[in-house]
Protein backbone atom coordinates (compact mmCIF):
# COMPACT_ATOMS: atom_id res chain seq x y z
CA MET A 1 19.67 -170.60 -48.34
CA VAL A 2 16.08 -169.75 -49.15
CA GLY A 3 15.39 -169.45 -52.87
CA MET A 4 12.50 -168.50 -55.15
CA ARG A 5 11.31 -172.12 -55.30
CA ASP A 6 10.92 -172.15 -51.52
CA VAL A 7 8.94 -168.91 -51.64
CA ALA A 8 6.76 -170.24 -54.46
CA LYS A 9 6.02 -173.42 -52.48
CA GLU A 10 5.20 -171.45 -49.33
CA ALA A 11 2.91 -169.05 -51.21
CA GLY A 12 1.33 -171.76 -53.38
CA VAL A 13 2.23 -169.99 -56.61
CA SER A 14 4.58 -170.57 -59.52
CA VAL A 15 8.27 -169.59 -59.53
CA SER A 16 7.56 -167.21 -62.41
CA THR A 17 5.01 -165.36 -60.27
CA VAL A 18 7.57 -164.97 -57.50
CA SER A 19 10.05 -163.67 -60.08
CA LEU A 20 7.57 -161.06 -61.28
CA VAL A 21 7.03 -159.84 -57.72
CA VAL A 22 10.73 -159.78 -56.84
CA ASN A 23 11.79 -158.05 -60.04
CA LYS A 24 8.72 -155.80 -60.12
CA THR A 25 7.97 -156.62 -63.73
CA GLY A 26 4.78 -157.74 -65.43
CA TYR A 27 1.29 -157.86 -63.93
CA VAL A 28 0.55 -159.65 -60.68
CA SER A 29 -2.80 -159.28 -58.88
CA ASP A 30 -2.79 -157.61 -55.49
CA ASP A 31 -3.93 -160.83 -53.82
CA MET A 32 -1.15 -162.88 -55.44
CA ARG A 33 1.46 -160.22 -54.61
CA ALA A 34 0.35 -160.21 -50.99
CA LYS A 35 0.77 -164.01 -50.78
CA VAL A 36 4.26 -163.84 -52.24
CA GLU A 37 5.35 -160.98 -49.99
CA ALA A 38 3.96 -162.77 -46.92
CA ALA A 39 5.87 -165.93 -47.89
CA MET A 40 9.08 -163.90 -48.42
CA GLN A 41 8.69 -162.36 -44.98
CA SER A 42 7.88 -165.68 -43.34
CA LEU A 43 10.94 -167.37 -44.84
CA ASN A 44 13.16 -164.28 -44.40
CA TYR A 45 13.87 -164.40 -48.11
CA ILE A 46 16.43 -161.86 -49.36
CA PRO A 47 16.42 -161.37 -53.15
CA ASN A 48 19.72 -161.92 -54.92
CA GLU A 49 20.62 -158.38 -56.00
CA LEU A 50 23.12 -159.56 -58.62
CA ALA A 51 20.58 -161.88 -60.20
CA ARG A 52 17.97 -159.12 -60.23
CA ASN A 53 20.39 -156.74 -61.91
CA LEU A 54 21.31 -159.31 -64.55
CA TYR A 55 17.60 -159.86 -65.19
CA ARG A 56 17.12 -156.14 -65.70
CA ASN A 57 20.41 -155.63 -67.55
CA ARG A 58 21.35 -153.13 -64.83
CA THR A 59 24.14 -152.87 -62.27
CA ASN A 60 22.61 -149.91 -60.36
CA THR A 61 26.12 -148.43 -60.28
CA ILE A 62 27.14 -145.06 -61.72
CA GLY A 63 30.78 -144.17 -62.32
CA VAL A 64 31.85 -140.66 -61.33
CA ILE A 65 35.11 -139.46 -62.85
CA VAL A 66 36.77 -136.46 -61.16
CA PRO A 67 40.28 -135.02 -61.60
CA THR A 68 41.02 -135.32 -57.87
CA ILE A 69 39.13 -135.48 -54.58
CA LEU A 70 41.88 -133.43 -52.90
CA HIS A 71 40.37 -130.28 -54.41
CA PRO A 72 37.50 -128.99 -52.21
CA PHE A 73 35.21 -128.42 -55.18
CA PHE A 74 35.36 -132.02 -56.40
CA ALA A 75 35.18 -133.39 -52.87
CA ALA A 76 31.94 -131.44 -52.36
CA LEU A 77 30.54 -132.40 -55.77
CA THR A 78 31.33 -136.09 -55.18
CA ALA A 79 29.64 -136.05 -51.77
CA HIS A 80 26.46 -134.52 -53.21
CA LEU A 81 26.44 -136.89 -56.18
CA GLN A 82 26.81 -139.92 -53.93
CA ARG A 83 23.97 -138.68 -51.73
CA GLU A 84 21.76 -137.98 -54.76
CA PHE A 85 22.36 -141.38 -56.36
CA ALA A 86 21.93 -143.20 -53.05
CA GLY A 87 18.52 -141.56 -52.73
CA ARG A 88 17.67 -143.09 -56.10
CA GLY A 89 18.84 -146.55 -55.03
CA LEU A 90 22.10 -146.34 -56.96
CA LYS A 91 25.69 -146.92 -55.92
CA THR A 92 28.58 -144.63 -56.89
CA LEU A 93 31.95 -145.81 -58.14
CA LEU A 94 34.57 -143.06 -57.89
CA CYS A 95 37.57 -142.56 -60.16
CA SER A 96 40.13 -139.80 -59.52
CA THR A 97 42.10 -139.45 -62.76
CA ALA A 98 45.05 -137.85 -60.98
CA ASP A 99 45.36 -140.92 -58.77
CA ALA A 100 44.69 -143.61 -61.39
CA ALA A 101 47.39 -144.55 -63.89
CA THR A 102 44.83 -145.46 -66.54
CA GLY A 103 42.84 -142.22 -66.13
CA GLU A 104 39.27 -142.50 -67.35
CA SER A 105 39.99 -145.32 -69.81
CA GLU A 106 39.46 -148.10 -67.29
CA TYR A 107 36.06 -146.73 -66.34
CA VAL A 108 35.02 -146.32 -69.96
CA ASN A 109 35.98 -149.96 -70.55
CA MET A 110 33.86 -150.99 -67.57
CA LEU A 111 30.94 -149.02 -68.96
CA GLN A 112 31.29 -150.63 -72.37
CA ARG A 113 31.37 -154.09 -70.75
CA HIS A 114 28.13 -153.20 -68.91
CA MET A 115 29.85 -153.32 -65.52
CA MET A 116 28.16 -150.02 -64.67
CA ASP A 117 25.10 -148.21 -65.99
CA GLY A 118 26.61 -144.84 -66.82
CA ILE A 119 29.37 -142.31 -66.22
CA ILE A 120 29.33 -138.76 -64.90
CA MET A 121 32.40 -137.11 -66.44
CA THR A 122 33.71 -134.09 -64.52
CA ALA A 123 37.43 -134.21 -65.36
CA HIS A 124 39.44 -132.56 -68.11
CA THR A 125 40.02 -134.99 -70.98
CA GLU A 126 42.50 -135.15 -73.82
CA HIS A 127 40.22 -137.40 -75.87
CA GLN A 128 38.61 -136.01 -79.00
CA PRO A 129 34.78 -135.79 -79.25
CA ASP A 130 34.54 -138.85 -81.50
CA TYR A 131 36.00 -140.96 -78.68
CA TRP A 132 33.11 -140.12 -76.38
CA THR A 133 30.38 -140.32 -79.03
CA SER A 134 31.65 -143.76 -80.11
CA ILE A 135 31.10 -145.26 -76.65
CA ARG A 136 27.32 -145.38 -77.19
CA ARG A 137 26.47 -145.80 -73.51
CA PRO A 138 24.97 -143.36 -70.99
CA ILE A 139 27.41 -140.51 -70.29
CA VAL A 140 26.65 -137.10 -68.81
CA ALA A 141 29.26 -134.34 -68.71
CA PHE A 142 29.63 -131.68 -66.06
CA ASP A 143 31.07 -128.28 -67.05
CA ARG A 144 32.47 -129.54 -70.34
CA ILE A 145 31.49 -130.46 -73.87
CA LEU A 146 32.40 -134.03 -74.77
CA GLY A 147 30.76 -134.31 -78.15
CA GLU A 148 27.51 -134.17 -80.07
CA GLY A 149 24.76 -136.13 -78.38
CA VAL A 150 26.48 -136.25 -74.98
CA PRO A 151 24.31 -134.18 -72.60
CA SER A 152 25.91 -131.78 -70.16
CA VAL A 153 25.17 -129.81 -67.02
CA ARG A 154 27.04 -126.68 -66.00
CA SER A 155 26.82 -123.81 -63.58
CA ASP A 156 25.92 -120.36 -64.89
CA HIS A 157 29.51 -119.11 -64.90
CA GLU A 158 28.64 -116.11 -67.05
CA ALA A 159 26.26 -114.89 -64.34
CA GLY A 160 28.92 -115.53 -61.73
CA GLY A 161 31.43 -113.51 -63.74
CA ARG A 162 28.99 -110.62 -64.17
CA ALA A 163 28.30 -110.50 -60.43
CA ILE A 164 32.02 -110.43 -59.63
CA ALA A 165 32.79 -107.74 -62.20
CA ARG A 166 29.89 -105.57 -61.07
CA GLN A 167 31.07 -105.78 -57.45
CA LEU A 168 34.61 -104.76 -58.41
CA ILE A 169 33.50 -101.95 -60.72
CA ASP A 170 31.01 -100.51 -58.23
CA SER A 171 33.52 -100.64 -55.36
CA GLY A 172 36.20 -98.74 -57.27
CA ALA A 173 38.74 -101.52 -57.81
CA ARG A 174 41.81 -100.38 -59.75
CA HIS A 175 43.95 -103.50 -60.29
CA VAL A 176 42.35 -106.94 -60.22
CA VAL A 177 44.21 -110.26 -60.32
CA LEU A 178 42.31 -113.35 -61.48
CA VAL A 179 43.77 -116.74 -60.52
CA GLY A 180 42.87 -119.90 -62.43
CA GLY A 181 44.06 -122.87 -64.43
CA PRO A 182 46.28 -123.03 -67.51
CA ARG A 183 45.45 -120.26 -69.97
CA SER A 184 46.12 -122.68 -72.84
CA GLN A 185 42.80 -124.32 -72.03
CA PHE A 186 40.86 -121.13 -72.84
CA THR A 187 39.72 -122.40 -76.22
CA GLU A 188 36.41 -122.85 -78.01
CA GLY A 189 34.60 -125.96 -76.78
CA THR A 190 37.07 -126.24 -73.90
CA THR A 191 36.69 -128.80 -71.15
CA PHE A 192 38.17 -126.35 -68.65
CA PRO A 193 35.34 -125.63 -66.19
CA THR A 194 35.56 -121.95 -65.21
CA VAL A 195 36.69 -120.33 -68.46
CA ARG A 196 33.37 -118.56 -68.83
CA TYR A 197 33.53 -116.64 -65.57
CA HIS A 198 37.15 -115.58 -66.08
CA LEU A 199 36.46 -114.27 -69.56
CA THR A 200 33.30 -112.47 -68.47
CA VAL A 201 35.15 -110.68 -65.67
CA GLU A 202 38.02 -109.72 -67.99
CA HIS A 203 35.74 -108.29 -70.66
CA MET A 204 33.64 -106.26 -68.22
CA LEU A 205 36.68 -104.85 -66.39
CA ALA A 206 38.33 -103.93 -69.69
CA ASP A 207 35.19 -102.04 -70.74
CA ALA A 208 35.31 -100.19 -67.41
CA GLY A 209 39.00 -99.32 -67.84
CA ILE A 210 40.13 -101.40 -64.85
CA ALA A 211 43.51 -103.16 -65.00
CA CYS A 212 43.21 -106.94 -64.85
CA ASP A 213 45.92 -109.62 -64.86
CA TYR A 214 45.48 -113.36 -65.08
CA VAL A 215 47.76 -115.65 -63.08
CA GLU A 216 48.00 -119.37 -63.80
CA ALA A 217 47.94 -121.54 -60.71
CA GLY A 218 48.57 -124.86 -62.42
CA ALA A 219 46.16 -127.71 -63.05
CA VAL A 220 43.14 -128.19 -60.81
CA THR A 221 44.80 -131.34 -59.46
CA ASP A 222 47.75 -129.32 -58.07
CA VAL A 223 46.18 -127.79 -54.97
CA VAL A 224 49.61 -126.99 -53.49
CA ALA A 225 50.42 -124.83 -56.53
CA HIS A 226 47.19 -122.88 -56.00
CA GLU A 227 48.25 -122.10 -52.43
CA ALA A 228 51.75 -121.00 -53.52
CA THR A 229 50.34 -118.81 -56.27
CA ALA A 230 48.02 -117.00 -53.89
CA THR A 231 50.94 -115.92 -51.72
CA ALA A 232 53.18 -114.98 -54.69
CA ILE A 233 50.63 -112.49 -56.08
CA PHE A 234 51.63 -109.87 -53.51
CA GLU A 235 55.26 -109.91 -54.66
CA ARG A 236 54.42 -109.88 -58.35
CA TYR A 237 51.69 -107.23 -58.15
CA PRO A 238 52.37 -104.92 -55.16
CA ASP A 239 49.53 -102.58 -56.23
CA VAL A 240 46.86 -105.31 -56.43
CA ASP A 241 43.65 -104.24 -54.72
CA ALA A 242 41.39 -107.20 -55.63
CA ILE A 243 42.01 -110.95 -55.95
CA VAL A 244 39.53 -113.41 -57.45
CA GLY A 245 40.09 -117.16 -57.40
CA SER A 246 38.93 -120.52 -56.14
CA ASP A 247 38.04 -120.98 -52.48
CA VAL A 248 41.54 -122.28 -51.80
CA VAL A 249 43.19 -119.31 -53.53
CA ALA A 250 40.90 -116.81 -51.79
CA ALA A 251 41.48 -118.34 -48.36
CA MET A 252 45.26 -118.38 -48.81
CA ALA A 253 45.26 -114.81 -50.15
CA LEU A 254 43.29 -113.67 -47.10
CA GLN A 255 45.78 -115.29 -44.75
CA GLU A 256 48.77 -113.85 -46.64
CA ALA A 257 47.20 -110.39 -46.56
CA GLY A 258 46.92 -110.70 -42.78
CA ARG A 259 50.58 -111.66 -42.46
CA ARG A 260 51.56 -108.61 -44.51
CA GLY A 261 49.36 -106.24 -42.55
CA ILE A 262 47.10 -105.52 -45.54
CA GLN A 263 43.60 -104.49 -44.52
CA VAL A 264 40.76 -106.51 -46.07
CA PRO A 265 38.51 -105.15 -47.55
CA THR A 266 39.75 -101.56 -47.10
CA ASP A 267 42.96 -102.03 -49.09
CA LEU A 268 42.33 -105.40 -50.72
CA GLN A 269 39.11 -107.09 -51.81
CA ILE A 270 38.98 -110.89 -52.10
CA ILE A 271 36.29 -112.91 -53.90
CA ALA A 272 36.08 -116.70 -53.80
CA TYR A 273 34.54 -118.85 -56.50
CA ASP A 274 32.78 -122.15 -55.63
CA GLY A 275 31.43 -121.87 -52.08
CA THR A 276 32.88 -125.02 -50.54
CA MET A 277 33.89 -125.72 -46.95
CA ALA A 278 37.31 -124.20 -47.75
CA ALA A 279 35.66 -120.79 -48.07
CA GLU A 280 33.85 -121.20 -44.77
CA LEU A 281 37.13 -121.92 -42.95
CA ALA A 282 39.10 -118.97 -44.36
CA GLY A 283 39.07 -117.08 -41.06
CA LYS A 284 36.80 -114.34 -42.34
CA ARG A 285 33.44 -114.52 -44.09
CA LEU A 286 34.51 -114.47 -47.74
CA THR A 287 32.49 -112.81 -50.45
CA MET A 288 31.85 -115.61 -52.90
CA VAL A 289 30.08 -116.99 -55.91
CA ARG A 290 28.51 -120.21 -54.66
CA GLN A 291 27.77 -123.06 -57.02
CA ASP A 292 24.60 -124.97 -56.09
CA PHE A 293 25.95 -128.46 -55.39
CA PRO A 294 22.59 -130.10 -54.53
CA ALA A 295 21.02 -128.70 -57.73
CA ILE A 296 24.03 -129.74 -59.82
CA ALA A 297 23.91 -133.28 -58.43
CA ALA A 298 20.15 -133.52 -59.01
CA ALA A 299 20.47 -132.25 -62.58
CA LEU A 300 23.26 -134.72 -63.36
CA ALA A 301 21.25 -137.59 -61.88
CA GLU A 302 18.14 -136.61 -63.83
CA GLN A 303 20.10 -136.47 -67.07
CA MET A 304 21.60 -139.87 -66.28
CA ASP A 305 18.12 -141.30 -65.63
CA ARG A 306 17.05 -140.05 -69.06
CA GLN A 307 20.05 -141.66 -70.76
CA ILE A 308 19.53 -145.02 -69.08
CA GLU A 309 15.79 -144.98 -69.78
CA ALA A 310 16.38 -144.08 -73.42
CA GLU A 311 19.04 -146.77 -73.81
CA ASN A 312 16.64 -149.43 -72.55
CA LYS A 313 13.99 -148.54 -75.12
CA PRO A 314 14.03 -151.15 -77.93
CA SER A 315 13.73 -148.47 -80.62
CA ARG A 316 16.93 -146.75 -79.56
CA GLY A 317 20.06 -148.32 -80.94
CA SER A 318 22.92 -145.91 -80.32
CA GLN A 319 24.13 -143.36 -77.86
CA SER A 320 23.67 -140.55 -80.32
CA GLU A 321 19.99 -141.44 -80.29
CA SER A 322 19.71 -142.42 -76.63
CA ALA A 323 21.72 -139.53 -75.23
CA GLY A 324 18.99 -136.99 -75.75
CA GLN A 325 19.87 -135.99 -79.31
CA SER A 326 16.56 -134.73 -80.61
CA GLY A 327 17.65 -131.68 -82.55
CA ALA A 328 19.87 -128.64 -82.46
CA ASP A 329 17.44 -126.74 -80.24
CA ASP A 330 17.17 -129.52 -77.65
CA PRO A 331 18.08 -127.99 -74.24
CA VAL A 332 19.95 -131.20 -73.41
CA GLN A 333 22.20 -130.60 -76.41
CA LEU A 334 22.83 -127.00 -75.42
CA GLY A 335 23.58 -127.95 -71.83
CA GLN A 336 21.47 -127.62 -68.70
CA ILE A 337 22.49 -124.52 -66.76
CA VAL A 338 22.30 -124.37 -62.95
CA PRO A 339 22.10 -120.89 -61.36
CA VAL A 340 24.84 -119.62 -59.04
CA SER A 341 24.54 -117.24 -56.08
CA PHE A 342 26.62 -114.17 -55.27
CA ILE A 343 27.02 -113.90 -51.50
CA ALA A 344 28.45 -110.72 -50.05
CA GLY A 345 30.83 -111.29 -47.16
CA GLU A 346 33.42 -109.40 -45.17
CA THR A 347 36.09 -109.31 -47.87
CA THR A 348 34.55 -106.80 -50.27
CA ARG A 349 33.55 -103.17 -49.88
């Protein structure tokens, strides 16, 4: 196997010079770099990636924790994150907490042992904020607040909620049913992703005097329960004239309406929230709030880059310092917000 010493001998330079070229650190003249690169090409030298990473104190691997990849939203988010990180020369290590007995703990342990460079946390967690702030390694949260100093990215759910409510109010809806996760997670500082859009819709409909009921469809990991809930709405609320829920819920509600001979959108309006492939395959062009997956993935990757860069600065000694904590008005502290889009389809009036 060809090593650095062989390259150094071929190029007529020192091993340390070859190391600087391979690891892209320190100053090497253009002429010297050209000699080393020519020697590497001549000898078909392939740098040892593990050794390079150890030299840099990097693994070039980012952990992505999701509740489940069975849900279309997290499948789409994972795909975009993997594509985004790959474009930055990074590998993605996926953890589905619903399918791993140890949940996120194993990945946090790996992060603390420097077996990965950072974690993107997108799953609901039972851990208290001091758990996450004590890790002192690069962590970026999506759609949740993990603790002071841990940066976050989220979609503009308030804007999504306003767009939905305005559509329903303007179209003369009388009885709206919202479908979502456990209501017990609607608390201050919640890690439940879509609380903000549900609450915005409820408040605006209440102000307009429109009846609105909320139906729990189980945890986000229980996709089957979401499907069952969508079909049960018609029995529980025979006068419902608008249903709002995830892409899965909206698609199942549309199909159930067809089986019952209910005309959409004349008698029933349906609005999907997320804009994944599930919405595209519903059988009819759903009206939807689409989250911007490429922009979300890019924002999460950029925040992760900032955390890793800050951690590697000698003057930074803790996560609370290296995680972008530069004051109460720091936009990283407040959370980076990614716009959503309201797309009118064939299921609203």
